[in-house]
Amino acid sequence: RLDGSFEVKGKGGSESKGWVISTAGNLTTLILQEFRFQSFIQF
């Protein structure tokens, strides 16, 4: 009925890497990302 509990957990990551050749030279940009999520709700 109206009482209960709800939980959501998650984790993950991403990676992207690319290069650009310009008058500044050949530069590579690397991006690393990590997420963590946790939610608990109780009625």
PDB file of all heavy atoms in Angstrom:
ATOM      1  N   ARG A   1       0.853  -1.184   0.000  1.00  0.00           N
ATOM      2  CA  ARG A   1       0.000   0.000   0.000  1.00  0.00           C
ATOM      3  C   ARG A   1       0.899   1.248   0.000  1.00  0.00           C
ATOM      4  O   ARG A   1       1.721   1.407  -0.874  1.00  0.00           O
ATOM      5  CB  ARG A   1      -0.987  -0.029   1.161  1.00  0.00           C
ATOM      6  CG  ARG A   1      -2.000  -1.179   1.073  1.00  0.00           C
ATOM      7  CD  ARG A   1      -3.053  -1.077   2.173  1.00  0.00           C
ATOM      8  NE  ARG A   1      -4.031  -2.156   2.039  1.00  0.00           N
ATOM      9  CZ  ARG A   1      -3.920  -3.341   2.617  1.00  0.00           C
ATOM     10  NH1 ARG A   1      -2.867  -3.594   3.382  1.00  0.00           N
ATOM     11  NH2 ARG A   1      -4.843  -4.268   2.437  1.00  0.00           N
ATOM     12  N   LEU A   2       0.761   2.127   0.992  1.00  0.00           N
ATOM     13  CA  LEU A   2       1.488   3.401   0.960  1.00  0.00           C
ATOM     14  C   LEU A   2       2.867   3.337   1.608  1.00  0.00           C
ATOM     15  O   LEU A   2       3.653   4.284   1.464  1.00  0.00           O
ATOM     16  CB  LEU A   2       0.659   4.495   1.653  1.00  0.00           C
ATOM     17  CG  LEU A   2      -0.604   4.929   0.917  1.00  0.00           C
ATOM     18  CD1 LEU A   2      -1.404   5.895   1.782  1.00  0.00           C
ATOM     19  CD2 LEU A   2      -0.278   5.571  -0.422  1.00  0.00           C
ATOM     20  N   ASP A   3       3.173   2.257   2.306  1.00  0.00           N
ATOM     21  CA  ASP A   3       4.462   2.168   2.987  1.00  0.00           C
ATOM     22  C   ASP A   3       5.415   1.244   2.236  1.00  0.00           C
ATOM     23  O   ASP A   3       4.993   0.251   1.632  1.00  0.00           O
ATOM     24  CB  ASP A   3       4.276   1.665   4.414  1.00  0.00           C
ATOM     25  CG  ASP A   3       3.620   2.691   5.321  1.00  0.00           C
ATOM     26  OD1 ASP A   3       3.541   3.864   4.897  1.00  0.00           O
ATOM     27  OD2 ASP A   3       3.181   2.333   6.420  1.00  0.00           O
ATOM     28  N   GLY A   4       6.691   1.573   2.294  1.00  0.00           N
ATOM     29  CA  GLY A   4       7.682   0.739   1.629  1.00  0.00           C
ATOM     30  C   GLY A   4       9.001   1.459   1.474  1.00  0.00           C
ATOM     31  O   GLY A   4       9.192   2.586   1.958  1.00  0.00           O
ATOM     32  N   SER A   5       9.948   0.803   0.802  1.00  0.00           N
ATOM     33  CA  SER A   5      11.273   1.380   0.584  1.00  0.00           C
ATOM     34  C   SER A   5      11.712   1.135  -0.855  1.00  0.00           C
ATOM     35  O   SER A   5      11.333   0.144  -1.473  1.00  0.00           O
ATOM     36  CB  SER A   5      12.294   0.798   1.569  1.00  0.00           C
ATOM     37  OG  SER A   5      12.424  -0.600   1.381  1.00  0.00           O
ATOM     38  N   PHE A   6      12.550   2.059  -1.355  1.00  0.00           N
ATOM     39  CA  PHE A   6      13.000   2.021  -2.750  1.00  0.00           C
ATOM     40  C   PHE A   6      14.473   2.413  -2.782  1.00  0.00           C
ATOM     41  O   PHE A   6      14.866   3.429  -2.205  1.00  0.00           O
ATOM     42  CB  PHE A   6      12.182   2.991  -3.607  1.00  0.00           C
ATOM     43  CG  PHE A   6      10.709   2.975  -3.294  1.00  0.00           C
ATOM     44  CD1 PHE A   6      10.166   3.905  -2.422  1.00  0.00           C
ATOM     45  CD2 PHE A   6       9.881   2.009  -3.843  1.00  0.00           C
ATOM     46  CE1 PHE A   6       8.809   3.883  -2.109  1.00  0.00           C
ATOM     47  CE2 PHE A   6       8.525   1.980  -3.535  1.00  0.00           C
ATOM     48  CZ  PHE A   6       7.986   2.914  -2.665  1.00  0.00           C
ATOM     49  N   GLU A   7      15.264   1.604  -3.444  1.00  0.00           N
ATOM     50  CA  GLU A   7      16.704   1.858  -3.504  1.00  0.00           C
ATOM     51  C   GLU A   7      17.188   1.742  -4.940  1.00  0.00           C
ATOM     52  O   GLU A   7      16.784   0.836  -5.667  1.00  0.00           O
ATOM     53  CB  GLU A   7      17.455   0.880  -2.613  1.00  0.00           C
ATOM     54  CG  GLU A   7      18.940   1.186  -2.479  1.00  0.00           C
ATOM     55  CD  GLU A   7      19.627   0.304  -1.457  1.00  0.00           C
ATOM     56  OE1 GLU A   7      19.056  -0.746  -1.098  1.00  0.00           O
ATOM     57  OE2 GLU A   7      20.728   0.664  -1.017  1.00  0.00           O
ATOM     58  N   VAL A   8      18.035   2.673  -5.338  1.00  0.00           N
ATOM     59  CA  VAL A   8      18.652   2.654  -6.671  1.00  0.00           C
ATOM     60  C   VAL A   8      20.144   2.880  -6.490  1.00  0.00           C
ATOM     61  O   VAL A   8      20.561   3.816  -5.785  1.00  0.00           O
ATOM     62  CB  VAL A   8      18.070   3.732  -7.601  1.00  0.00           C
ATOM     63  CG1 VAL A   8      18.755   3.677  -8.969  1.00  0.00           C
ATOM     64  CG2 VAL A   8      16.572   3.573  -7.750  1.00  0.00           C
ATOM     65  N   LYS A   9      20.955   2.022  -7.085  1.00  0.00           N
ATOM     66  CA  LYS A   9      22.403   2.168  -7.056  1.00  0.00           C
ATOM     67  C   LYS A   9      22.946   2.073  -8.470  1.00  0.00           C
ATOM     68  O   LYS A   9      22.389   1.355  -9.316  1.00  0.00           O
ATOM     69  CB  LYS A   9      23.051   1.072  -6.204  1.00  0.00           C
ATOM     70  CG  LYS A   9      22.782   1.151  -4.722  1.00  0.00           C
ATOM     71  CD  LYS A   9      23.537   0.046  -3.982  1.00  0.00           C
ATOM     72  CE  LYS A   9      23.315   0.124  -2.483  1.00  0.00           C
ATOM     73  NZ  LYS A   9      24.065  -0.943  -1.758  1.00  0.00           N
ATOM     74  N   GLY A  10      24.019   2.771  -8.716  1.00  0.00           N
ATOM     75  CA  GLY A  10      24.637   2.680 -10.027  1.00  0.00           C
ATOM     76  C   GLY A  10      26.042   3.234 -10.022  1.00  0.00           C
ATOM     77  O   GLY A  10      26.382   4.110  -9.225  1.00  0.00           O
ATOM     78  N   LYS A  11      26.878   2.701 -10.879  1.00  0.00           N
ATOM     79  CA  LYS A  11      28.208   3.253 -11.083  1.00  0.00           C
ATOM     80  C   LYS A  11      28.606   2.996 -12.530  1.00  0.00           C
ATOM     81  O   LYS A  11      28.113   2.078 -13.192  1.00  0.00           O
ATOM     82  CB  LYS A  11      29.227   2.638 -10.128  1.00  0.00           C
ATOM     83  CG  LYS A  11      29.452   1.148 -10.291  1.00  0.00           C
ATOM     84  CD  LYS A  11      30.495   0.657  -9.305  1.00  0.00           C
ATOM     85  CE  LYS A  11      30.749  -0.843  -9.460  1.00  0.00           C
ATOM     86  NZ  LYS A  11      31.792  -1.324  -8.522  1.00  0.00           N
ATOM     87  N   GLY A  12      29.468   3.826 -13.010  1.00  0.00           N
ATOM     88  CA  GLY A  12      29.902   3.669 -14.392  1.00  0.00           C
ATOM     89  C   GLY A  12      30.982   4.679 -14.721  1.00  0.00           C
ATOM     90  O   GLY A  12      31.363   5.513 -13.894  1.00  0.00           O
ATOM     91  N   GLY A  13      31.487   4.593 -15.923  1.00  0.00           N
ATOM     92  CA  GLY A  13      32.544   5.496 -16.347  1.00  0.00           C
ATOM     93  C   GLY A  13      32.541   5.660 -17.848  1.00  0.00           C
ATOM     94  O   GLY A  13      31.843   4.943 -18.576  1.00  0.00           O
ATOM     95  N   SER A  14      33.287   6.625 -18.303  1.00  0.00           N
ATOM     96  CA  SER A  14      33.404   6.868 -19.738  1.00  0.00           C
ATOM     97  C   SER A  14      34.822   7.303 -20.056  1.00  0.00           C
ATOM     98  O   SER A  14      35.563   7.772 -19.180  1.00  0.00           O
ATOM     99  CB  SER A  14      32.408   7.938 -20.197  1.00  0.00           C
ATOM    100  OG  SER A  14      32.689   9.182 -19.593  1.00  0.00           O
ATOM    101  N   GLU A  15      35.199   7.145 -21.299  1.00  0.00           N
ATOM    102  CA  GLU A  15      36.523   7.553 -21.766  1.00  0.00           C
ATOM    103  C   GLU A  15      36.401   8.055 -23.194  1.00  0.00           C
ATOM    104  O   GLU A  15      35.737   7.437 -24.035  1.00  0.00           O
ATOM    105  CB  GLU A  15      37.501   6.384 -21.713  1.00  0.00           C
ATOM    106  CG  GLU A  15      38.910   6.736 -22.203  1.00  0.00           C
ATOM    107  CD  GLU A  15      39.856   5.547 -22.164  1.00  0.00           C
ATOM    108  OE1 GLU A  15      39.421   4.461 -21.720  1.00  0.00           O
ATOM    109  OE2 GLU A  15      41.025   5.701 -22.579  1.00  0.00           O
ATOM    110  N   SER A  16      37.012   9.181 -23.457  1.00  0.00           N
ATOM    111  CA  SER A  16      37.088   9.694 -24.829  1.00  0.00           C
ATOM    112  C   SER A  16      38.477  10.276 -25.056  1.00  0.00           C
ATOM    113  O   SER A  16      39.090  10.854 -24.150  1.00  0.00           O
ATOM    114  CB  SER A  16      36.015  10.757 -25.078  1.00  0.00           C
ATOM    115  OG  SER A  16      36.107  11.819 -24.153  1.00  0.00           O
ATOM    116  N   LYS A  17      38.967  10.088 -26.270  1.00  0.00           N
ATOM    117  CA  LYS A  17      40.331  10.514 -26.594  1.00  0.00           C
ATOM    118  C   LYS A  17      40.381  10.900 -28.059  1.00  0.00           C
ATOM    119  O   LYS A  17      39.880  10.174 -28.928  1.00  0.00           O
ATOM    120  CB  LYS A  17      41.306   9.373 -26.304  1.00  0.00           C
ATOM    121  CG  LYS A  17      42.775   9.709 -26.500  1.00  0.00           C
ATOM    122  CD  LYS A  17      43.643   8.498 -26.111  1.00  0.00           C
ATOM    123  CE  LYS A  17      45.120   8.791 -26.224  1.00  0.00           C
ATOM    124  NZ  LYS A  17      45.940   7.610 -25.843  1.00  0.00           N
ATOM    125  N   GLY A  18      40.953  12.051 -28.333  1.00  0.00           N
ATOM    126  CA  GLY A  18      41.079  12.503 -29.712  1.00  0.00           C
ATOM    127  C   GLY A  18      42.224  13.486 -29.875  1.00  0.00           C
ATOM    128  O   GLY A  18      42.669  14.104 -28.902  1.00  0.00           O
ATOM    129  N   TRP A  19      42.719  13.603 -31.104  1.00  0.00           N
ATOM    130  CA  TRP A  19      43.848  14.494 -31.376  1.00  0.00           C
ATOM    131  C   TRP A  19      43.448  15.584 -32.363  1.00  0.00           C
ATOM    132  O   TRP A  19      42.518  15.431 -33.160  1.00  0.00           O
ATOM    133  CB  TRP A  19      45.049  13.714 -31.918  1.00  0.00           C
ATOM    134  CG  TRP A  19      44.732  12.817 -33.097  1.00  0.00           C
ATOM    135  CD1 TRP A  19      44.402  11.493 -33.043  1.00  0.00           C
ATOM    136  CD2 TRP A  19      44.679  13.190 -34.478  1.00  0.00           C
ATOM    137  NE1 TRP A  19      44.161  11.003 -34.303  1.00  0.00           N
ATOM    138  CE2 TRP A  19      44.328  12.023 -35.209  1.00  0.00           C
ATOM    139  CE3 TRP A  19      44.903  14.368 -35.170  1.00  0.00           C
ATOM    140  CZ2 TRP A  19      44.188  12.032 -36.604  1.00  0.00           C
ATOM    141  CZ3 TRP A  19      44.771  14.379 -36.555  1.00  0.00           C
ATOM    142  CH2 TRP A  19      44.419  13.218 -37.258  1.00  0.00           C
ATOM    143  N   VAL A  20      44.166  16.704 -32.276  1.00  0.00           N
ATOM    144  CA  VAL A  20      43.979  17.833 -33.191  1.00  0.00           C
ATOM    145  C   VAL A  20      45.356  18.342 -33.602  1.00  0.00           C
ATOM    146  O   VAL A  20      46.193  18.628 -32.738  1.00  0.00           O
ATOM    147  CB  VAL A  20      43.178  18.971 -32.544  1.00  0.00           C
ATOM    148  CG1 VAL A  20      43.062  20.151 -33.503  1.00  0.00           C
ATOM    149  CG2 VAL A  20      41.791  18.500 -32.114  1.00  0.00           C
ATOM    150  N   ILE A  21      45.582  18.433 -34.914  1.00  0.00           N
ATOM    151  CA  ILE A  21      46.822  19.010 -35.441  1.00  0.00           C
ATOM    152  C   ILE A  21      46.530  20.429 -35.891  1.00  0.00           C
ATOM    153  O   ILE A  21      45.734  20.650 -36.814  1.00  0.00           O
ATOM    154  CB  ILE A  21      47.387  18.178 -36.601  1.00  0.00           C
ATOM    155  CG1 ILE A  21      47.689  16.744 -36.147  1.00  0.00           C
ATOM    156  CG2 ILE A  21      48.655  18.828 -37.153  1.00  0.00           C
ATOM    157  CD1 ILE A  21      48.170  15.839 -37.268  1.00  0.00           C
ATOM    158  N   SER A  22      47.154  21.400 -35.223  1.00  0.00           N
ATOM    159  CA  SER A  22      46.980  22.807 -35.550  1.00  0.00           C
ATOM    160  C   SER A  22      48.351  23.470 -35.526  1.00  0.00           C
ATOM    161  O   SER A  22      49.383  22.788 -35.397  1.00  0.00           O
ATOM    162  CB  SER A  22      46.046  23.476 -34.531  1.00  0.00           C
ATOM    163  OG  SER A  22      46.663  23.516 -33.254  1.00  0.00           O
ATOM    164  N   THR A  23      48.389  24.790 -35.636  1.00  0.00           N
ATOM    165  CA  THR A  23      49.674  25.483 -35.589  1.00  0.00           C
ATOM    166  C   THR A  23      50.315  25.376 -34.206  1.00  0.00           C
ATOM    167  O   THR A  23      51.498  25.663 -34.042  1.00  0.00           O
ATOM    168  CB  THR A  23      49.506  26.960 -35.959  1.00  0.00           C
ATOM    169  OG1 THR A  23      48.527  27.556 -35.085  1.00  0.00           O
ATOM    170  CG2 THR A  23      49.045  27.113 -37.401  1.00  0.00           C
ATOM    171  N   ALA A  24      49.550  24.947 -33.195  1.00  0.00           N
ATOM    172  CA  ALA A  24      50.097  24.718 -31.860  1.00  0.00           C
ATOM    173  C   ALA A  24      50.759  23.357 -31.735  1.00  0.00           C
ATOM    174  O   ALA A  24      51.359  23.055 -30.708  1.00  0.00           O
ATOM    175  CB  ALA A  24      48.996  24.851 -30.812  1.00  0.00           C
ATOM    176  N   GLY A  25      50.626  22.528 -32.772  1.00  0.00           N
ATOM    177  CA  GLY A  25      51.222  21.202 -32.745  1.00  0.00           C
ATOM    178  C   GLY A  25      50.163  20.111 -32.777  1.00  0.00           C
ATOM    179  O   GLY A  25      48.976  20.365 -33.018  1.00  0.00           O
ATOM    180  N   ASN A  26      50.604  18.879 -32.557  1.00  0.00           N
ATOM    181  CA  ASN A  26      49.706  17.724 -32.523  1.00  0.00           C
ATOM    182  C   ASN A  26      49.388  17.425 -31.061  1.00  0.00           C
ATOM    183  O   ASN A  26      50.207  16.857 -30.340  1.00  0.00           O
ATOM    184  CB  ASN A  26      50.372  16.515 -33.190  1.00  0.00           C
ATOM    185  CG  ASN A  26      49.435  15.326 -33.280  1.00  0.00           C
ATOM    186  OD1 ASN A  26      48.352  15.327 -32.710  1.00  0.00           O
ATOM    187  ND2 ASN A  26      49.868  14.290 -33.993  1.00  0.00           N
ATOM    188  N   LEU A  27      48.184  17.829 -30.620  1.00  0.00           N
ATOM    189  CA  LEU A  27      47.793  17.698 -29.222  1.00  0.00           C
ATOM    190  C   LEU A  27      46.665  16.689 -29.086  1.00  0.00           C
ATOM    191  O   LEU A  27      45.708  16.696 -29.869  1.00  0.00           O
ATOM    192  CB  LEU A  27      47.354  19.043 -28.645  1.00  0.00           C
ATOM    193  CG  LEU A  27      48.387  20.176 -28.686  1.00  0.00           C
ATOM    194  CD1 LEU A  27      47.818  21.437 -28.066  1.00  0.00           C
ATOM    195  CD2 LEU A  27      49.682  19.763 -28.002  1.00  0.00           C
ATOM    196  N   THR A  28      46.773  15.838 -28.080  1.00  0.00           N
ATOM    197  CA  THR A  28      45.759  14.826 -27.799  1.00  0.00           C
ATOM    198  C   THR A  28      45.053  15.171 -26.491  1.00  0.00           C
ATOM    199  O   THR A  28      45.709  15.480 -25.487  1.00  0.00           O
ATOM    200  CB  THR A  28      46.388  13.428 -27.689  1.00  0.00           C
ATOM    201  OG1 THR A  28      46.939  13.070 -28.959  1.00  0.00           O
ATOM    202  CG2 THR A  28      45.349  12.392 -27.284  1.00  0.00           C
ATOM    203  N   THR A  29      43.729  15.117 -26.517  1.00  0.00           N
ATOM    204  CA  THR A  29      42.919  15.374 -25.329  1.00  0.00           C
ATOM    205  C   THR A  29      42.285  14.065 -24.871  1.00  0.00           C
ATOM    206  O   THR A  29      41.620  13.386 -25.652  1.00  0.00           O
ATOM    207  CB  THR A  29      41.820  16.407 -25.613  1.00  0.00           C
ATOM    208  OG1 THR A  29      42.421  17.636 -26.031  1.00  0.00           O
ATOM    209  CG2 THR A  29      40.991  16.665 -24.361  1.00  0.00           C
ATOM    210  N   LEU A  30      42.508  13.707 -23.613  1.00  0.00           N
ATOM    211  CA  LEU A  30      41.964  12.495 -23.015  1.00  0.00           C
ATOM    212  C   LEU A  30      41.039  12.888 -21.870  1.00  0.00           C
ATOM    213  O   LEU A  30      41.394  13.694 -21.014  1.00  0.00           O
ATOM    214  CB  LEU A  30      43.088  11.608 -22.477  1.00  0.00           C
ATOM    215  CG  LEU A  30      42.683  10.402 -21.619  1.00  0.00           C
ATOM    216  CD1 LEU A  30      41.888   9.398 -22.451  1.00  0.00           C
ATOM    217  CD2 LEU A  30      43.906   9.749 -20.993  1.00  0.00           C
ATOM    218  N   ILE A  31      39.827  12.297 -21.872  1.00  0.00           N
ATOM    219  CA  ILE A  31      38.847  12.580 -20.817  1.00  0.00           C
ATOM    220  C   ILE A  31      38.431  11.274 -20.169  1.00  0.00           C
ATOM    221  O   ILE A  31      37.957  10.354 -20.849  1.00  0.00           O
ATOM    222  CB  ILE A  31      37.606  13.301 -21.380  1.00  0.00           C
ATOM    223  CG1 ILE A  31      38.016  14.596 -22.092  1.00  0.00           C
ATOM    224  CG2 ILE A  31      36.619  13.614 -20.257  1.00  0.00           C
ATOM    225  CD1 ILE A  31      36.895  15.237 -22.863  1.00  0.00           C
ATOM    226  N   LEU A  32      38.604  11.186 -18.869  1.00  0.00           N
ATOM    227  CA  LEU A  32      38.185  10.029 -18.087  1.00  0.00           C
ATOM    228  C   LEU A  32      37.140  10.492 -17.072  1.00  0.00           C
ATOM    229  O   LEU A  32      37.331  11.518 -16.399  1.00  0.00           O
ATOM    230  CB  LEU A  32      39.375   9.410 -17.345  1.00  0.00           C
ATOM    231  CG  LEU A  32      40.551   8.953 -18.212  1.00  0.00           C
ATOM    232  CD1 LEU A  32      41.741   8.594 -17.335  1.00  0.00           C
ATOM    233  CD2 LEU A  32      40.146   7.772 -19.083  1.00  0.00           C
ATOM    234  N   GLN A  33      36.057   9.737 -16.957  1.00  0.00           N
ATOM    235  CA  GLN A  33      34.986  10.153 -16.061  1.00  0.00           C
ATOM    236  C   GLN A  33      34.415   8.944 -15.326  1.00  0.00           C
ATOM    237  O   GLN A  33      34.291   7.853 -15.885  1.00  0.00           O
ATOM    238  CB  GLN A  33      33.869  10.851 -16.843  1.00  0.00           C
ATOM    239  CG  GLN A  33      32.899  11.621 -15.978  1.00  0.00           C
ATOM    240  CD  GLN A  33      32.201  12.742 -16.729  1.00  0.00           C
ATOM    241  OE1 GLN A  33      32.484  12.985 -17.898  1.00  0.00           O
ATOM    242  NE2 GLN A  33      31.301  13.431 -16.090  1.00  0.00           N
ATOM    243  N   GLU A  34      34.055   9.168 -14.052  1.00  0.00           N
ATOM    244  CA  GLU A  34      33.485   8.107 -13.223  1.00  0.00           C
ATOM    245  C   GLU A  34      32.290   8.660 -12.464  1.00  0.00           C
ATOM    246  O   GLU A  34      32.341   9.764 -11.913  1.00  0.00           O
ATOM    247  CB  GLU A  34      34.520   7.583 -12.220  1.00  0.00           C
ATOM    248  CG  GLU A  34      33.996   6.507 -11.286  1.00  0.00           C
ATOM    249  CD  GLU A  34      34.981   6.171 -10.179  1.00  0.00           C
ATOM    250  OE1 GLU A  34      35.494   7.123  -9.556  1.00  0.00           O
ATOM    251  OE2 GLU A  34      35.235   4.973  -9.954  1.00  0.00           O
ATOM    252  N   PHE A  35      31.178   7.885 -12.449  1.00  0.00           N
ATOM    253  CA  PHE A  35      29.972   8.273 -11.734  1.00  0.00           C
ATOM    254  C   PHE A  35      29.641   7.226 -10.677  1.00  0.00           C
ATOM    255  O   PHE A  35      29.810   6.026 -10.899  1.00  0.00           O
ATOM    256  CB  PHE A  35      28.758   8.356 -12.680  1.00  0.00           C
ATOM    257  CG  PHE A  35      28.907   9.336 -13.798  1.00  0.00           C
ATOM    258  CD1 PHE A  35      29.067   8.902 -15.103  1.00  0.00           C
ATOM    259  CD2 PHE A  35      28.845  10.695 -13.558  1.00  0.00           C
ATOM    260  CE1 PHE A  35      29.183   9.800 -16.137  1.00  0.00           C
ATOM    261  CE2 PHE A  35      28.958  11.604 -14.585  1.00  0.00           C
ATOM    262  CZ  PHE A  35      29.134  11.151 -15.886  1.00  0.00           C
ATOM    263  N   ARG A  36      29.101   7.694  -9.561  1.00  0.00           N
ATOM    264  CA  ARG A  36      28.504   6.803  -8.568  1.00  0.00           C
ATOM    265  C   ARG A  36      27.215   7.450  -8.078  1.00  0.00           C
ATOM    266  O   ARG A  36      27.188   8.643  -7.775  1.00  0.00           O
ATOM    267  CB  ARG A  36      29.451   6.555  -7.392  1.00  0.00           C
ATOM    268  CG  ARG A  36      30.644   5.678  -7.755  1.00  0.00           C
ATOM    269  CD  ARG A  36      31.492   5.359  -6.530  1.00  0.00           C
ATOM    270  NE  ARG A  36      32.623   4.518  -6.887  1.00  0.00           N
ATOM    271  CZ  ARG A  36      32.619   3.193  -6.887  1.00  0.00           C
ATOM    272  NH1 ARG A  36      31.497   2.563  -6.548  1.00  0.00           N
ATOM    273  NH2 ARG A  36      33.685   2.506  -7.221  1.00  0.00           N
ATOM    274  N   PHE A  37      26.166   6.633  -7.999  1.00  0.00           N
ATOM    275  CA  PHE A  37      24.843   7.149  -7.616  1.00  0.00           C
ATOM    276  C   PHE A  37      24.198   6.173  -6.642  1.00  0.00           C
ATOM    277  O   PHE A  37      24.218   4.957  -6.859  1.00  0.00           O
ATOM    278  CB  PHE A  37      23.962   7.304  -8.856  1.00  0.00           C
ATOM    279  CG  PHE A  37      22.556   7.759  -8.563  1.00  0.00           C
ATOM    280  CD1 PHE A  37      22.250   9.106  -8.543  1.00  0.00           C
ATOM    281  CD2 PHE A  37      21.547   6.848  -8.308  1.00  0.00           C
ATOM    282  CE1 PHE A  37      20.960   9.540  -8.263  1.00  0.00           C
ATOM    283  CE2 PHE A  37      20.254   7.259  -8.028  1.00  0.00           C
ATOM    284  CZ  PHE A  37      19.962   8.609  -8.015  1.00  0.00           C
ATOM    285  N   GLN A  38      23.621   6.705  -5.564  1.00  0.00           N
ATOM    286  CA  GLN A  38      22.908   5.865  -4.609  1.00  0.00           C
ATOM    287  C   GLN A  38      21.744   6.658  -4.027  1.00  0.00           C
ATOM    288  O   GLN A  38      21.914   7.768  -3.533  1.00  0.00           O
ATOM    289  CB  GLN A  38      23.827   5.389  -3.482  1.00  0.00           C
ATOM    290  CG  GLN A  38      23.160   4.444  -2.505  1.00  0.00           C
ATOM    291  CD  GLN A  38      24.125   3.896  -1.471  1.00  0.00           C
ATOM    292  OE1 GLN A  38      25.325   4.167  -1.538  1.00  0.00           O
ATOM    293  NE2 GLN A  38      23.621   3.145  -0.510  1.00  0.00           N
ATOM    294  N   SER A  39      20.555   6.072  -4.108  1.00  0.00           N
ATOM    295  CA  SER A  39      19.357   6.719  -3.593  1.00  0.00           C
ATOM    296  C   SER A  39      18.567   5.722  -2.756  1.00  0.00           C
ATOM    297  O   SER A  39      18.365   4.572  -3.163  1.00  0.00           O
ATOM    298  CB  SER A  39      18.479   7.234  -4.744  1.00  0.00           C
ATOM    299  OG  SER A  39      17.190   7.585  -4.280  1.00  0.00           O
ATOM    300  N   PHE A  40      18.126   6.180  -1.572  1.00  0.00           N
ATOM    301  CA  PHE A  40      17.271   5.359  -0.719  1.00  0.00           C
ATOM    302  C   PHE A  40      16.092   6.211  -0.270  1.00  0.00           C
ATOM    303  O   PHE A  40      16.267   7.313   0.272  1.00  0.00           O
ATOM    304  CB  PHE A  40      18.037   4.841   0.497  1.00  0.00           C
ATOM    305  CG  PHE A  40      17.184   4.038   1.442  1.00  0.00           C
ATOM    306  CD1 PHE A  40      16.847   2.732   1.143  1.00  0.00           C
ATOM    307  CD2 PHE A  40      16.711   4.607   2.622  1.00  0.00           C
ATOM    308  CE1 PHE A  40      16.051   1.981   2.008  1.00  0.00           C
ATOM    309  CE2 PHE A  40      15.923   3.876   3.493  1.00  0.00           C
ATOM    310  CZ  PHE A  40      15.589   2.555   3.179  1.00  0.00           C
ATOM    311  N   ILE A  41      14.862   5.722  -0.511  1.00  0.00           N
ATOM    312  CA  ILE A  41      13.636   6.416  -0.125  1.00  0.00           C
ATOM    313  C   ILE A  41      12.763   5.440   0.648  1.00  0.00           C
ATOM    314  O   ILE A  41      12.596   4.288   0.247  1.00  0.00           O
ATOM    315  CB  ILE A  41      12.875   6.936  -1.367  1.00  0.00           C
ATOM    316  CG1 ILE A  41      13.732   7.943  -2.140  1.00  0.00           C
ATOM    317  CG2 ILE A  41      11.547   7.575  -0.960  1.00  0.00           C
ATOM    318  CD1 ILE A  41      13.129   8.358  -3.466  1.00  0.00           C
ATOM    319  N   GLN A  42      12.207   5.917   1.754  1.00  0.00           N
ATOM    320  CA  GLN A  42      11.355   5.051   2.569  1.00  0.00           C
ATOM    321  C   GLN A  42      10.123   5.826   3.043  1.00  0.00           C
ATOM    322  O   GLN A  42      10.222   6.971   3.481  1.00  0.00           O
ATOM    323  CB  GLN A  42      12.127   4.524   3.772  1.00  0.00           C
ATOM    324  CG  GLN A  42      11.363   3.509   4.604  1.00  0.00           C
ATOM    325  CD  GLN A  42      12.202   2.952   5.750  1.00  0.00           C
ATOM    326  OE1 GLN A  42      12.725   3.712   6.557  1.00  0.00           O
ATOM    327  NE2 GLN A  42      12.339   1.626   5.804  1.00  0.00           N
ATOM    328  N   PHE A  43       8.950   5.178   2.937  1.00  0.00           N
ATOM    329  CA  PHE A  43       7.698   5.725   3.456  1.00  0.00           C
ATOM    330  C   PHE A  43       7.264   4.903   4.658  1.00  0.00           C
ATOM    331  O   PHE A  43       7.281   3.664   4.618  1.00  0.00           O
ATOM    332  CB  PHE A  43       6.598   5.676   2.393  1.00  0.00           C
ATOM    333  CG  PHE A  43       6.841   6.571   1.220  1.00  0.00           C
ATOM    334  CD1 PHE A  43       6.652   6.105  -0.070  1.00  0.00           C
ATOM    335  CD2 PHE A  43       7.248   7.881   1.395  1.00  0.00           C
ATOM    336  CE1 PHE A  43       6.871   6.928  -1.161  1.00  0.00           C
ATOM    337  CE2 PHE A  43       7.467   8.711   0.317  1.00  0.00           C
ATOM    338  CZ  PHE A  43       7.272   8.236  -0.966  1.00  0.00           C
TER     339      PHE A  43
END
